[in-house]
Amino acid sequence: MQNMILFWYLESLCDEKKLLLIIDEVQTGIGRTGKMFCYQNYGITPDVMTLAKSLGGGLPIGVMIAKKEFSDLLTPGMHASTFGGGPVICKAALGVFRAIQQEKLLKNCQNMESIFWRN
């Protein structure tokens, strides 16, 4: 609960001061916390989010996602990634999303979480 209040305050402060709320989901994204993205556990929405590691299903990938209203601020060449997405790796990332959806992996994570905390 304390974390939720902290994240809500941070989001409110960014809105008030007209700052971008940037969330790094490299370690926590793609279902690792029972939701597709960890920030969803805290009731906030980032302006920019970074992803990597598990997104590629074992292949190297790095991604930065921005809300549409900020996408023109970050033009090609302003942000670099050692593991930017080539066509094969991007196809693998789509496969990761499909597998999570088809296999209902997030629901399974939530079920396992309830068992974990019960014991």
N, C-alpha and C. Protein backbone atom coordinates (compact mmCIF):
# COMPACT_ATOMS: atom_id res chain seq x y z
N MET A 1 0.82 -1.20 0.00
CA MET A 1 0.00 0.00 0.00
C MET A 1 0.87 1.26 0.00
N GLN A 2 1.95 1.21 0.79
CA GLN A 2 2.85 2.36 0.85
C GLN A 2 3.47 2.64 -0.52
N ASN A 3 3.84 1.57 -1.24
CA ASN A 3 4.40 1.75 -2.58
C ASN A 3 3.39 2.38 -3.52
N MET A 4 2.12 2.00 -3.41
CA MET A 4 1.08 2.57 -4.29
C MET A 4 0.98 4.07 -4.07
N ILE A 5 1.01 4.49 -2.82
CA ILE A 5 0.93 5.92 -2.50
C ILE A 5 2.15 6.64 -3.05
N LEU A 6 3.32 6.04 -2.90
CA LEU A 6 4.55 6.64 -3.41
C LEU A 6 4.49 6.80 -4.93
N PHE A 7 4.07 5.76 -5.64
CA PHE A 7 4.00 5.84 -7.10
C PHE A 7 2.93 6.83 -7.54
N TRP A 8 1.79 6.86 -6.85
CA TRP A 8 0.75 7.83 -7.19
C TRP A 8 1.28 9.25 -7.01
N TYR A 9 2.00 9.48 -5.90
CA TYR A 9 2.57 10.80 -5.65
C TYR A 9 3.57 11.17 -6.74
N LEU A 10 4.41 10.22 -7.12
CA LEU A 10 5.40 10.47 -8.16
C LEU A 10 4.71 10.83 -9.49
N GLU A 11 3.68 10.10 -9.86
CA GLU A 11 2.94 10.40 -11.08
C GLU A 11 2.30 11.79 -11.01
N SER A 12 1.71 12.11 -9.87
CA SER A 12 1.08 13.42 -9.68
C SER A 12 2.11 14.54 -9.78
N LEU A 13 3.26 14.34 -9.16
CA LEU A 13 4.33 15.33 -9.20
C LEU A 13 4.82 15.55 -10.64
N CYS A 14 4.99 14.47 -11.38
CA CYS A 14 5.42 14.59 -12.79
C CYS A 14 4.37 15.36 -13.59
N ASP A 15 3.10 15.07 -13.37
CA ASP A 15 2.03 15.79 -14.07
C ASP A 15 2.07 17.28 -13.72
N GLU A 16 2.19 17.57 -12.44
CA GLU A 16 2.20 18.95 -11.97
C GLU A 16 3.38 19.74 -12.53
N LYS A 17 4.54 19.13 -12.54
CA LYS A 17 5.77 19.82 -12.97
C LYS A 17 6.03 19.66 -14.48
N LYS A 18 5.11 18.98 -15.17
CA LYS A 18 5.24 18.74 -16.61
C LYS A 18 6.54 17.99 -16.94
N LEU A 19 6.78 16.92 -16.15
CA LEU A 19 7.93 16.04 -16.34
C LEU A 19 7.44 14.71 -16.90
N LEU A 20 8.28 14.05 -17.68
CA LEU A 20 7.94 12.72 -18.17
C LEU A 20 8.14 11.69 -17.07
N LEU A 21 7.17 10.82 -16.91
CA LEU A 21 7.30 9.70 -15.99
C LEU A 21 7.83 8.52 -16.82
N ILE A 22 9.08 8.15 -16.56
CA ILE A 22 9.74 7.10 -17.31
C ILE A 22 9.90 5.89 -16.39
N ILE A 23 9.39 4.75 -16.84
CA ILE A 23 9.45 3.52 -16.05
C ILE A 23 10.36 2.53 -16.77
N ASP A 24 11.31 1.98 -16.05
CA ASP A 24 12.21 0.97 -16.58
C ASP A 24 11.64 -0.41 -16.24
N GLU A 25 11.15 -1.11 -17.25
CA GLU A 25 10.57 -2.44 -17.07
C GLU A 25 11.50 -3.54 -17.59
N VAL A 26 12.79 -3.24 -17.72
CA VAL A 26 13.74 -4.22 -18.26
C VAL A 26 13.75 -5.49 -17.40
N GLN A 27 13.78 -5.33 -16.09
CA GLN A 27 13.83 -6.49 -15.18
C GLN A 27 12.43 -6.98 -14.76
N THR A 28 11.44 -6.11 -14.85
CA THR A 28 10.14 -6.44 -14.24
C THR A 28 9.01 -6.62 -15.23
N GLY A 29 9.23 -6.31 -16.51
CA GLY A 29 8.15 -6.37 -17.49
C GLY A 29 7.90 -7.76 -18.05
N ILE A 30 6.92 -7.84 -18.90
CA ILE A 30 6.52 -9.04 -19.63
C ILE A 30 6.10 -10.16 -18.67
N GLY A 31 5.21 -9.81 -17.76
CA GLY A 31 4.56 -10.80 -16.91
C GLY A 31 5.31 -11.24 -15.68
N ARG A 32 6.45 -10.69 -15.41
CA ARG A 32 7.25 -11.17 -14.28
C ARG A 32 6.63 -10.86 -12.93
N THR A 33 5.64 -9.99 -12.87
CA THR A 33 4.99 -9.67 -11.59
C THR A 33 3.51 -10.05 -11.58
N GLY A 34 3.09 -10.86 -12.54
CA GLY A 34 1.69 -11.26 -12.61
C GLY A 34 0.83 -10.36 -13.47
N LYS A 35 1.36 -9.24 -13.87
CA LYS A 35 0.72 -8.34 -14.83
C LYS A 35 1.69 -8.19 -15.98
N MET A 36 1.20 -7.75 -17.13
CA MET A 36 2.11 -7.63 -18.27
C MET A 36 3.29 -6.72 -17.94
N PHE A 37 2.98 -5.60 -17.25
CA PHE A 37 4.03 -4.66 -16.85
C PHE A 37 3.89 -4.38 -15.36
N CYS A 38 4.99 -4.28 -14.66
CA CYS A 38 4.98 -4.09 -13.21
C CYS A 38 4.23 -2.83 -12.79
N TYR A 39 4.37 -1.74 -13.56
CA TYR A 39 3.71 -0.49 -13.17
C TYR A 39 2.21 -0.67 -13.00
N GLN A 40 1.62 -1.65 -13.69
CA GLN A 40 0.18 -1.88 -13.58
C GLN A 40 -0.24 -2.32 -12.19
N ASN A 41 0.69 -2.80 -11.40
CA ASN A 41 0.40 -3.17 -10.01
C ASN A 41 0.20 -1.96 -9.12
N TYR A 42 0.54 -0.77 -9.63
CA TYR A 42 0.53 0.43 -8.79
C TYR A 42 -0.46 1.50 -9.26
N GLY A 43 -1.26 1.20 -10.27
CA GLY A 43 -2.29 2.14 -10.69
C GLY A 43 -1.77 3.42 -11.34
N ILE A 44 -0.61 3.35 -11.96
CA ILE A 44 -0.06 4.51 -12.64
C ILE A 44 0.14 4.19 -14.12
N THR A 45 0.40 5.20 -14.92
CA THR A 45 0.67 5.01 -16.34
C THR A 45 1.88 5.85 -16.73
N PRO A 46 2.94 5.21 -17.18
CA PRO A 46 4.13 5.98 -17.55
C PRO A 46 3.95 6.71 -18.88
N ASP A 47 4.75 7.74 -19.08
CA ASP A 47 4.80 8.43 -20.37
C ASP A 47 5.74 7.70 -21.31
N VAL A 48 6.79 7.13 -20.74
CA VAL A 48 7.80 6.38 -21.48
C VAL A 48 8.13 5.12 -20.68
N MET A 49 8.34 4.01 -21.40
CA MET A 49 8.66 2.75 -20.74
C MET A 49 9.77 2.06 -21.53
N THR A 50 10.70 1.45 -20.82
CA THR A 50 11.74 0.66 -21.48
C THR A 50 11.52 -0.81 -21.19
N LEU A 51 11.81 -1.63 -22.19
CA LEU A 51 11.68 -3.08 -22.08
C LEU A 51 12.92 -3.73 -22.69
N ALA A 52 13.21 -4.94 -22.27
CA ALA A 52 14.29 -5.74 -22.87
C ALA A 52 14.16 -7.15 -22.33
N LYS A 53 15.27 -7.85 -22.31
CA LYS A 53 15.42 -9.19 -21.77
C LYS A 53 14.29 -10.14 -22.14
N SER A 54 13.30 -10.32 -21.30
CA SER A 54 12.27 -11.34 -21.54
C SER A 54 11.41 -11.04 -22.76
N LEU A 55 11.40 -9.83 -23.24
CA LEU A 55 10.62 -9.49 -24.43
C LEU A 55 11.07 -10.29 -25.65
N GLY A 56 12.36 -10.57 -25.76
CA GLY A 56 12.90 -11.27 -26.92
C GLY A 56 12.84 -12.78 -26.84
N GLY A 57 12.32 -13.33 -25.76
CA GLY A 57 12.24 -14.78 -25.64
C GLY A 57 13.61 -15.44 -25.76
N GLY A 58 14.62 -14.81 -25.24
CA GLY A 58 15.97 -15.35 -25.30
C GLY A 58 16.86 -14.65 -26.32
N LEU A 59 16.27 -13.90 -27.21
CA LEU A 59 17.04 -13.13 -28.18
C LEU A 59 17.24 -11.71 -27.64
N PRO A 60 18.35 -11.07 -27.96
CA PRO A 60 18.61 -9.72 -27.44
C PRO A 60 17.74 -8.66 -28.10
N ILE A 61 17.03 -7.91 -27.27
CA ILE A 61 16.19 -6.82 -27.78
C ILE A 61 16.13 -5.73 -26.72
N GLY A 62 16.03 -4.51 -27.16
CA GLY A 62 15.82 -3.36 -26.29
C GLY A 62 14.79 -2.46 -26.93
N VAL A 63 13.83 -2.00 -26.15
CA VAL A 63 12.71 -1.23 -26.68
C VAL A 63 12.41 -0.05 -25.76
N MET A 64 12.07 1.06 -26.37
CA MET A 64 11.56 2.20 -25.63
C MET A 64 10.21 2.55 -26.24
N ILE A 65 9.19 2.64 -25.40
CA ILE A 65 7.82 2.93 -25.84
C ILE A 65 7.40 4.26 -25.21
N ALA A 66 6.84 5.14 -26.02
CA ALA A 66 6.38 6.45 -25.51
C ALA A 66 4.93 6.65 -25.91
N LYS A 67 4.21 7.37 -25.06
CA LYS A 67 2.85 7.78 -25.43
C LYS A 67 2.91 8.58 -26.72
N LYS A 68 1.87 8.48 -27.50
CA LYS A 68 1.84 9.14 -28.82
C LYS A 68 2.20 10.63 -28.72
N GLU A 69 1.69 11.32 -27.71
CA GLU A 69 1.94 12.76 -27.62
C GLU A 69 3.40 13.11 -27.35
N PHE A 70 4.20 12.11 -26.97
CA PHE A 70 5.62 12.36 -26.73
C PHE A 70 6.52 11.71 -27.77
N SER A 71 5.96 10.95 -28.67
CA SER A 71 6.77 10.20 -29.63
C SER A 71 7.57 11.12 -30.56
N ASP A 72 7.07 12.31 -30.84
CA ASP A 72 7.82 13.21 -31.73
C ASP A 72 9.01 13.86 -31.02
N LEU A 73 9.07 13.77 -29.69
CA LEU A 73 10.21 14.30 -28.95
C LEU A 73 11.43 13.40 -29.06
N LEU A 74 11.19 12.14 -29.30
CA LEU A 74 12.25 11.14 -29.32
C LEU A 74 12.38 10.60 -30.75
N THR A 75 13.08 11.33 -31.58
CA THR A 75 13.20 10.98 -32.99
C THR A 75 14.34 9.98 -33.19
N PRO A 76 14.37 9.30 -34.36
CA PRO A 76 15.46 8.35 -34.62
C PRO A 76 16.83 9.01 -34.43
N GLY A 77 17.69 8.30 -33.75
CA GLY A 77 19.03 8.80 -33.49
C GLY A 77 19.18 9.46 -32.13
N MET A 78 18.07 9.87 -31.51
CA MET A 78 18.14 10.50 -30.18
C MET A 78 18.27 9.46 -29.08
N HIS A 79 17.84 8.25 -29.37
CA HIS A 79 17.92 7.17 -28.40
C HIS A 79 18.57 5.99 -29.10
N ALA A 80 19.57 5.43 -28.51
CA ALA A 80 20.26 4.30 -29.12
C ALA A 80 20.09 3.05 -28.27
N SER A 81 20.14 1.92 -28.92
CA SER A 81 20.05 0.66 -28.22
C SER A 81 21.04 -0.32 -28.84
N THR A 82 21.84 -0.93 -28.01
CA THR A 82 22.75 -1.95 -28.50
C THR A 82 21.95 -3.09 -29.12
N PHE A 83 20.78 -3.36 -28.56
CA PHE A 83 19.96 -4.46 -29.02
C PHE A 83 18.64 -3.95 -29.59
N GLY A 84 18.71 -2.96 -30.46
CA GLY A 84 17.50 -2.49 -31.13
C GLY A 84 16.87 -3.62 -31.91
N GLY A 85 15.63 -3.47 -32.28
CA GLY A 85 14.88 -4.57 -32.87
C GLY A 85 15.04 -4.71 -34.36
N GLY A 86 15.72 -5.78 -34.79
CA GLY A 86 15.71 -6.15 -36.19
C GLY A 86 14.47 -6.97 -36.48
N PRO A 87 14.20 -7.29 -37.74
CA PRO A 87 12.97 -7.99 -38.09
C PRO A 87 12.81 -9.36 -37.43
N VAL A 88 13.87 -10.14 -37.34
CA VAL A 88 13.76 -11.47 -36.75
C VAL A 88 13.47 -11.36 -35.26
N ILE A 89 14.17 -10.47 -34.59
CA ILE A 89 13.99 -10.32 -33.15
C ILE A 89 12.61 -9.74 -32.84
N CYS A 90 12.14 -8.80 -33.66
CA CYS A 90 10.79 -8.25 -33.45
C CYS A 90 9.73 -9.33 -33.65
N LYS A 91 9.92 -10.22 -34.60
CA LYS A 91 8.99 -11.34 -34.80
C LYS A 91 8.99 -12.25 -33.56
N ALA A 92 10.18 -12.46 -32.99
CA ALA A 92 10.27 -13.26 -31.76
C ALA A 92 9.51 -12.58 -30.62
N ALA A 93 9.63 -11.25 -30.52
CA ALA A 93 8.93 -10.51 -29.46
C ALA A 93 7.42 -10.64 -29.63
N LEU A 94 6.94 -10.59 -30.86
CA LEU A 94 5.51 -10.81 -31.09
C LEU A 94 5.10 -12.21 -30.65
N GLY A 95 5.98 -13.17 -30.89
CA GLY A 95 5.73 -14.53 -30.44
C GLY A 95 5.63 -14.64 -28.93
N VAL A 96 6.45 -13.87 -28.22
CA VAL A 96 6.39 -13.86 -26.76
C VAL A 96 5.02 -13.37 -26.30
N PHE A 97 4.54 -12.26 -26.88
CA PHE A 97 3.22 -11.74 -26.51
C PHE A 97 2.12 -12.75 -26.83
N ARG A 98 2.22 -13.38 -28.00
CA ARG A 98 1.20 -14.38 -28.37
C ARG A 98 1.21 -15.56 -27.40
N ALA A 99 2.39 -16.05 -27.04
CA ALA A 99 2.49 -17.19 -26.12
C ALA A 99 1.91 -16.83 -24.75
N ILE A 100 2.21 -15.66 -24.26
CA ILE A 100 1.68 -15.23 -22.96
C ILE A 100 0.15 -15.20 -23.01
N GLN A 101 -0.39 -14.69 -24.11
CA GLN A 101 -1.85 -14.60 -24.24
C GLN A 101 -2.47 -15.98 -24.44
N GLN A 102 -1.97 -16.75 -25.39
CA GLN A 102 -2.57 -18.04 -25.70
C GLN A 102 -2.48 -19.04 -24.57
N GLU A 103 -1.36 -19.01 -23.86
CA GLU A 103 -1.16 -19.96 -22.76
C GLU A 103 -1.70 -19.44 -21.43
N LYS A 104 -2.28 -18.25 -21.46
CA LYS A 104 -2.86 -17.64 -20.25
C LYS A 104 -1.83 -17.61 -19.10
N LEU A 105 -0.62 -17.22 -19.44
CA LEU A 105 0.46 -17.24 -18.46
C LEU A 105 0.27 -16.23 -17.34
N LEU A 106 -0.31 -15.07 -17.64
CA LEU A 106 -0.51 -14.08 -16.57
C LEU A 106 -1.52 -14.59 -15.55
N LYS A 107 -2.55 -15.24 -16.02
CA LYS A 107 -3.54 -15.82 -15.10
C LYS A 107 -2.88 -16.90 -14.24
N ASN A 108 -2.02 -17.70 -14.85
CA ASN A 108 -1.30 -18.72 -14.10
C ASN A 108 -0.41 -18.09 -13.05
N CYS A 109 0.27 -16.99 -13.39
CA CYS A 109 1.11 -16.28 -12.41
C CYS A 109 0.28 -15.81 -11.22
N GLN A 110 -0.89 -15.27 -11.51
CA GLN A 110 -1.76 -14.79 -10.44
C GLN A 110 -2.24 -15.94 -9.56
N ASN A 111 -2.55 -17.08 -10.17
CA ASN A 111 -2.95 -18.27 -9.40
C ASN A 111 -1.81 -18.76 -8.52
N MET A 112 -0.61 -18.80 -9.09
CA MET A 112 0.56 -19.26 -8.32
C MET A 112 0.89 -18.29 -7.19
N GLU A 113 0.68 -17.02 -7.43
CA GLU A 113 0.93 -16.02 -6.38
C GLU A 113 0.04 -16.28 -5.17
N SER A 114 -1.23 -16.58 -5.42
CA SER A 114 -2.13 -16.82 -4.29
C SER A 114 -1.71 -18.08 -3.53
N ILE A 115 -1.22 -19.07 -4.22
CA ILE A 115 -0.74 -20.28 -3.55
C ILE A 115 0.54 -19.96 -2.76
N PHE A 116 1.43 -19.20 -3.37
CA PHE A 116 2.69 -18.83 -2.72
C PHE A 116 2.45 -18.11 -1.41
N TRP A 117 1.59 -17.08 -1.42
CA TRP A 117 1.37 -16.28 -0.22
C TRP A 117 0.54 -17.01 0.83
N ARG A 118 -0.20 -18.03 0.41
CA ARG A 118 -1.01 -18.79 1.35
C ARG A 118 -0.13 -19.71 2.20
N ASN A 119 0.97 -20.17 1.63
CA ASN A 119 1.83 -21.15 2.34
C ASN A 119 2.89 -20.48 3.14
